[in-house]
Structure formats: structure tokens, C-alpha cells
Amino acid sequence: MEVDKKKAKYYMELAAMIGSVSARYSLGVLETEAGNQHRVMKHYIKGARAGHKDSLERIKNGYMHGIITKNGYANILRVHQKSLDEVKSDMRDKAAALRG
């Protein structure tokens, strides 16, 4: 079965618009394949700012290859950490401790 990439991209865009960070990441991957470096970084930056770890890793690679500035990377790191801190709670930490 062949995947209709246009249709897949359309639905990923819809999902990204309503806040799906994994869809945002997937759009970055699709844009990488298409060679749209500027759009790639836009998707990864939005994902990283929402707390998506894999997007942050791609931003780190962009920084290491000179695509993202040092100040830009530092700013994204701060926003990423803030996003993670916002979803932390004592109850979640206790539940995670019980699971693991």
C-alpha cells in the first residue's frame, strides 16, 4: 500500500494547527525530505518550544551545523525547559515513581 504524501501532509498540518507536537515534528521530517531547510527549523522550533524532546534534538543538530545561532538555541532551551516545568506536578512525580 502506497502512502499519499500530499494527503498525509495535509492531515499532519491540521493536527499541528490544533497543537499536536508529534505532527509538527513529522512535518519537519517531510520538509527535510523536500529540502526546505527554513521550514524544517520552523517546525522543530515550535515543537521544541512545546516540550517535544526529539524536536529539541533536531534544533541542537541545527545549532551544531550553524543553522541556528547560539542565542537562538539558548532561547529555545529556556522555553523548552519552561514548557516541561509547567506540566510537572507532585502528583505526576509520585505516579511516575510508583510505575518505575
N, C-alpha and C. Protein backbone atom coordinates (compact mmCIF):
# COMPACT_ATOMS: atom_id res chain seq x y z
N MET A 1 0.84 -1.18 0.00
CA MET A 1 0.00 0.00 0.00
C MET A 1 0.89 1.24 0.00
N GLU A 2 0.66 2.12 -0.94
CA GLU A 2 1.45 3.33 -1.06
C GLU A 2 0.78 4.48 -0.31
N VAL A 3 1.60 5.26 0.37
CA VAL A 3 1.10 6.39 1.15
C VAL A 3 0.95 7.61 0.25
N ASP A 4 -0.19 8.26 0.34
CA ASP A 4 -0.43 9.50 -0.37
C ASP A 4 0.20 10.63 0.45
N LYS A 5 1.40 11.07 0.04
CA LYS A 5 2.14 12.04 0.83
C LYS A 5 1.44 13.39 0.93
N LYS A 6 0.75 13.79 -0.12
CA LYS A 6 0.03 15.06 -0.07
C LYS A 6 -1.07 15.02 0.97
N LYS A 7 -1.80 13.91 0.98
CA LYS A 7 -2.89 13.77 1.94
C LYS A 7 -2.33 13.65 3.36
N ALA A 8 -1.25 12.90 3.52
CA ALA A 8 -0.63 12.75 4.84
C ALA A 8 -0.16 14.10 5.36
N LYS A 9 0.46 14.89 4.49
CA LYS A 9 0.95 16.22 4.90
C LYS A 9 -0.23 17.11 5.29
N TYR A 10 -1.30 17.05 4.53
CA TYR A 10 -2.49 17.85 4.82
C TYR A 10 -3.01 17.55 6.23
N TYR A 11 -3.14 16.27 6.55
CA TYR A 11 -3.67 15.90 7.86
C TYR A 11 -2.68 16.20 8.99
N MET A 12 -1.39 16.09 8.70
CA MET A 12 -0.39 16.48 9.70
C MET A 12 -0.45 17.98 9.96
N GLU A 13 -0.68 18.76 8.91
CA GLU A 13 -0.81 20.21 9.09
C GLU A 13 -2.03 20.54 9.96
N LEU A 14 -3.13 19.85 9.71
CA LEU A 14 -4.32 20.05 10.55
C LEU A 14 -4.03 19.71 12.00
N ALA A 15 -3.37 18.58 12.22
CA ALA A 15 -3.06 18.16 13.58
C ALA A 15 -2.10 19.15 14.26
N ALA A 16 -1.13 19.65 13.50
CA ALA A 16 -0.19 20.63 14.06
C ALA A 16 -0.90 21.92 14.44
N MET A 17 -1.87 22.32 13.64
CA MET A 17 -2.61 23.55 13.93
C MET A 17 -3.41 23.46 15.23
N ILE A 18 -3.82 22.25 15.59
CA ILE A 18 -4.57 22.11 16.85
C ILE A 18 -3.66 21.71 18.01
N GLY A 19 -2.35 21.70 17.76
CA GLY A 19 -1.42 21.54 18.87
C GLY A 19 -0.67 20.23 18.97
N SER A 20 -0.75 19.36 17.99
CA SER A 20 -0.02 18.09 18.06
C SER A 20 1.46 18.32 17.77
N VAL A 21 2.30 18.14 18.81
CA VAL A 21 3.73 18.36 18.61
C VAL A 21 4.36 17.23 17.81
N SER A 22 3.82 16.02 17.90
CA SER A 22 4.37 14.93 17.09
C SER A 22 4.06 15.16 15.61
N ALA A 23 2.90 15.74 15.30
CA ALA A 23 2.59 16.09 13.91
C ALA A 23 3.53 17.20 13.43
N ARG A 24 3.82 18.14 14.31
CA ARG A 24 4.75 19.23 13.98
C ARG A 24 6.12 18.65 13.65
N TYR A 25 6.57 17.68 14.45
CA TYR A 25 7.84 17.02 14.22
C TYR A 25 7.83 16.29 12.87
N SER A 26 6.75 15.59 12.60
CA SER A 26 6.62 14.85 11.34
C SER A 26 6.64 15.79 10.14
N LEU A 27 6.05 16.97 10.28
CA LEU A 27 6.11 17.96 9.21
C LEU A 27 7.55 18.40 8.98
N GLY A 28 8.31 18.53 10.06
CA GLY A 28 9.73 18.87 9.92
C GLY A 28 10.47 17.80 9.14
N VAL A 29 10.15 16.54 9.41
CA VAL A 29 10.78 15.44 8.68
C VAL A 29 10.41 15.50 7.20
N LEU A 30 9.14 15.74 6.90
CA LEU A 30 8.71 15.85 5.50
C LEU A 30 9.40 17.01 4.78
N GLU A 31 9.53 18.13 5.48
CA GLU A 31 10.19 19.29 4.88
C GLU A 31 11.68 19.03 4.67
N THR A 32 12.28 18.21 5.54
CA THR A 32 13.69 17.83 5.36
C THR A 32 13.83 17.07 4.05
N GLU A 33 12.92 16.13 3.83
CA GLU A 33 12.95 15.34 2.59
C GLU A 33 12.75 16.22 1.37
N ALA A 34 11.97 17.29 1.51
CA ALA A 34 11.72 18.20 0.39
C ALA A 34 12.82 19.24 0.24
N GLY A 35 13.74 19.32 1.22
CA GLY A 35 14.85 20.26 1.13
C GLY A 35 14.50 21.69 1.53
N ASN A 36 13.42 21.87 2.28
CA ASN A 36 13.00 23.21 2.71
C ASN A 36 13.56 23.49 4.11
N GLN A 37 14.85 23.80 4.18
CA GLN A 37 15.54 23.94 5.45
C GLN A 37 14.91 24.99 6.37
N HIS A 38 14.48 26.10 5.81
CA HIS A 38 13.88 27.16 6.63
C HIS A 38 12.59 26.66 7.30
N ARG A 39 11.76 25.98 6.55
CA ARG A 39 10.50 25.45 7.12
C ARG A 39 10.76 24.32 8.10
N VAL A 40 11.81 23.54 7.84
CA VAL A 40 12.18 22.46 8.75
C VAL A 40 12.42 23.02 10.14
N MET A 41 13.25 24.03 10.22
CA MET A 41 13.61 24.61 11.52
C MET A 41 12.40 25.26 12.19
N LYS A 42 11.51 25.87 11.40
CA LYS A 42 10.30 26.46 11.99
C LYS A 42 9.48 25.40 12.71
N HIS A 43 9.31 24.25 12.07
CA HIS A 43 8.53 23.16 12.69
C HIS A 43 9.22 22.63 13.94
N TYR A 44 10.52 22.41 13.86
CA TYR A 44 11.25 21.88 15.02
C TYR A 44 11.28 22.89 16.17
N ILE A 45 11.41 24.16 15.85
CA ILE A 45 11.41 25.19 16.90
C ILE A 45 10.07 25.20 17.62
N LYS A 46 8.98 25.16 16.87
CA LYS A 46 7.66 25.15 17.51
C LYS A 46 7.48 23.90 18.37
N GLY A 47 7.94 22.77 17.88
CA GLY A 47 7.83 21.54 18.65
C GLY A 47 8.68 21.58 19.92
N ALA A 48 9.90 22.07 19.80
CA ALA A 48 10.80 22.16 20.96
C ALA A 48 10.24 23.11 22.00
N ARG A 49 9.66 24.21 21.56
CA ARG A 49 9.08 25.17 22.50
C ARG A 49 7.88 24.58 23.23
N ALA A 50 7.25 23.58 22.63
CA ALA A 50 6.11 22.92 23.27
C ALA A 50 6.56 21.75 24.15
N GLY A 51 7.87 21.53 24.24
CA GLY A 51 8.39 20.48 25.11
C GLY A 51 8.72 19.17 24.42
N HIS A 52 8.72 19.13 23.10
CA HIS A 52 9.00 17.89 22.36
C HIS A 52 10.51 17.64 22.31
N LYS A 53 10.93 16.53 22.93
CA LYS A 53 12.35 16.22 23.08
C LYS A 53 13.06 15.98 21.74
N ASP A 54 12.44 15.24 20.83
CA ASP A 54 13.07 14.95 19.55
C ASP A 54 13.25 16.21 18.71
N SER A 55 12.29 17.13 18.80
CA SER A 55 12.41 18.40 18.09
C SER A 55 13.60 19.19 18.64
N LEU A 56 13.76 19.17 19.96
CA LEU A 56 14.88 19.86 20.58
C LEU A 56 16.20 19.26 20.10
N GLU A 57 16.23 17.96 19.96
CA GLU A 57 17.44 17.29 19.47
C GLU A 57 17.78 17.74 18.05
N ARG A 58 16.75 17.90 17.21
CA ARG A 58 16.98 18.39 15.84
C ARG A 58 17.47 19.84 15.84
N ILE A 59 16.96 20.63 16.78
CA ILE A 59 17.42 22.01 16.91
C ILE A 59 18.89 22.02 17.33
N LYS A 60 19.23 21.14 18.24
CA LYS A 60 20.63 21.02 18.68
C LYS A 60 21.53 20.71 17.48
N ASN A 61 21.09 19.77 16.64
CA ASN A 61 21.87 19.45 15.43
C ASN A 61 21.98 20.66 14.51
N GLY A 62 20.88 21.43 14.41
CA GLY A 62 20.91 22.65 13.60
C GLY A 62 21.90 23.65 14.14
N TYR A 63 21.98 23.77 15.45
CA TYR A 63 22.96 24.66 16.08
C TYR A 63 24.38 24.18 15.79
N MET A 64 24.59 22.87 15.93
CA MET A 64 25.93 22.31 15.71
C MET A 64 26.39 22.47 14.26
N HIS A 65 25.44 22.58 13.33
CA HIS A 65 25.79 22.75 11.92
C HIS A 65 25.68 24.21 11.47
N GLY A 66 25.49 25.12 12.41
CA GLY A 66 25.48 26.54 12.09
C GLY A 66 24.18 27.07 11.52
N ILE A 67 23.11 26.31 11.61
CA ILE A 67 21.82 26.75 11.07
C ILE A 67 21.10 27.63 12.09
N ILE A 68 21.28 27.31 13.38
CA ILE A 68 20.68 28.07 14.47
C ILE A 68 21.80 28.79 15.22
N THR A 69 21.57 30.04 15.59
CA THR A 69 22.58 30.81 16.32
C THR A 69 22.66 30.34 17.78
N LYS A 70 23.73 30.71 18.43
CA LYS A 70 23.91 30.36 19.85
C LYS A 70 22.80 30.98 20.69
N ASN A 71 22.48 32.23 20.45
CA ASN A 71 21.41 32.90 21.19
C ASN A 71 20.06 32.25 20.91
N GLY A 72 19.82 31.91 19.66
CA GLY A 72 18.56 31.25 19.30
C GLY A 72 18.42 29.91 19.98
N TYR A 73 19.49 29.14 20.01
CA TYR A 73 19.48 27.83 20.66
C TYR A 73 19.26 27.98 22.17
N ALA A 74 19.95 28.94 22.79
CA ALA A 74 19.80 29.17 24.22
C ALA A 74 18.36 29.56 24.55
N ASN A 75 17.77 30.40 23.72
CA ASN A 75 16.37 30.81 23.93
C ASN A 75 15.43 29.62 23.83
N ILE A 76 15.63 28.78 22.84
CA ILE A 76 14.78 27.60 22.66
C ILE A 76 14.94 26.65 23.84
N LEU A 77 16.17 26.49 24.33
CA LEU A 77 16.39 25.64 25.51
C LEU A 77 15.61 26.16 26.73
N ARG A 78 15.64 27.47 26.94
CA ARG A 78 14.92 28.06 28.07
C ARG A 78 13.41 27.82 27.95
N VAL A 79 12.87 28.06 26.76
CA VAL A 79 11.44 27.90 26.55
C VAL A 79 11.04 26.43 26.67
N HIS A 80 11.88 25.54 26.15
CA HIS A 80 11.63 24.10 26.25
C HIS A 80 11.56 23.68 27.72
N GLN A 81 12.53 24.12 28.51
CA GLN A 81 12.55 23.76 29.93
C GLN A 81 11.34 24.34 30.66
N LYS A 82 10.97 25.56 30.32
CA LYS A 82 9.80 26.19 30.94
C LYS A 82 8.55 25.37 30.63
N SER A 83 8.44 24.90 29.39
CA SER A 83 7.29 24.08 28.99
C SER A 83 7.24 22.79 29.81
N LEU A 84 8.40 22.17 30.00
CA LEU A 84 8.44 20.94 30.79
C LEU A 84 8.10 21.21 32.25
N ASP A 85 8.58 22.33 32.78
CA ASP A 85 8.29 22.68 34.17
C ASP A 85 6.81 22.93 34.40
N GLU A 86 6.14 23.48 33.40
CA GLU A 86 4.72 23.79 33.52
C GLU A 86 3.85 22.55 33.66
N VAL A 87 4.28 21.45 33.08
CA VAL A 87 3.46 20.23 33.16
C VAL A 87 3.84 19.34 34.33
N LYS A 88 4.88 19.71 35.07
CA LYS A 88 5.27 18.93 36.24
C LYS A 88 4.31 19.18 37.39
N SER A 89 4.09 18.15 38.17
CA SER A 89 3.30 18.30 39.39
C SER A 89 3.73 17.21 40.36
N ASP A 90 3.46 17.45 41.63
CA ASP A 90 3.81 16.46 42.65
C ASP A 90 3.08 15.15 42.40
N MET A 91 1.82 15.24 42.00
CA MET A 91 1.03 14.03 41.77
C MET A 91 1.61 13.21 40.61
N ARG A 92 2.03 13.88 39.55
CA ARG A 92 2.62 13.16 38.42
C ARG A 92 3.94 12.53 38.81
N ASP A 93 4.73 13.25 39.60
CA ASP A 93 6.01 12.71 40.05
C ASP A 93 5.81 11.46 40.91
N LYS A 94 4.81 11.48 41.78
CA LYS A 94 4.52 10.32 42.63
C LYS A 94 4.04 9.14 41.78
N ALA A 95 3.21 9.41 40.79
CA ALA A 95 2.71 8.34 39.91
C ALA A 95 3.86 7.73 39.12
N ALA A 96 4.76 8.57 38.65
CA ALA A 96 5.91 8.07 37.89
C ALA A 96 6.82 7.22 38.79
N ALA A 97 6.98 7.62 40.04
CA ALA A 97 7.80 6.86 40.99
C ALA A 97 7.19 5.49 41.26
N LEU A 98 5.88 5.43 41.34
CA LEU A 98 5.19 4.16 41.58
C LEU A 98 5.33 3.21 40.40
N ARG A 99 5.32 3.79 39.18
CA ARG A 99 5.42 2.97 37.97
C ARG A 99 6.84 2.43 37.77
N GLY A 100 7.82 3.18 38.18
CA GLY A 100 9.14 2.82 37.76
C GLY A 100 10.13 2.44 38.74
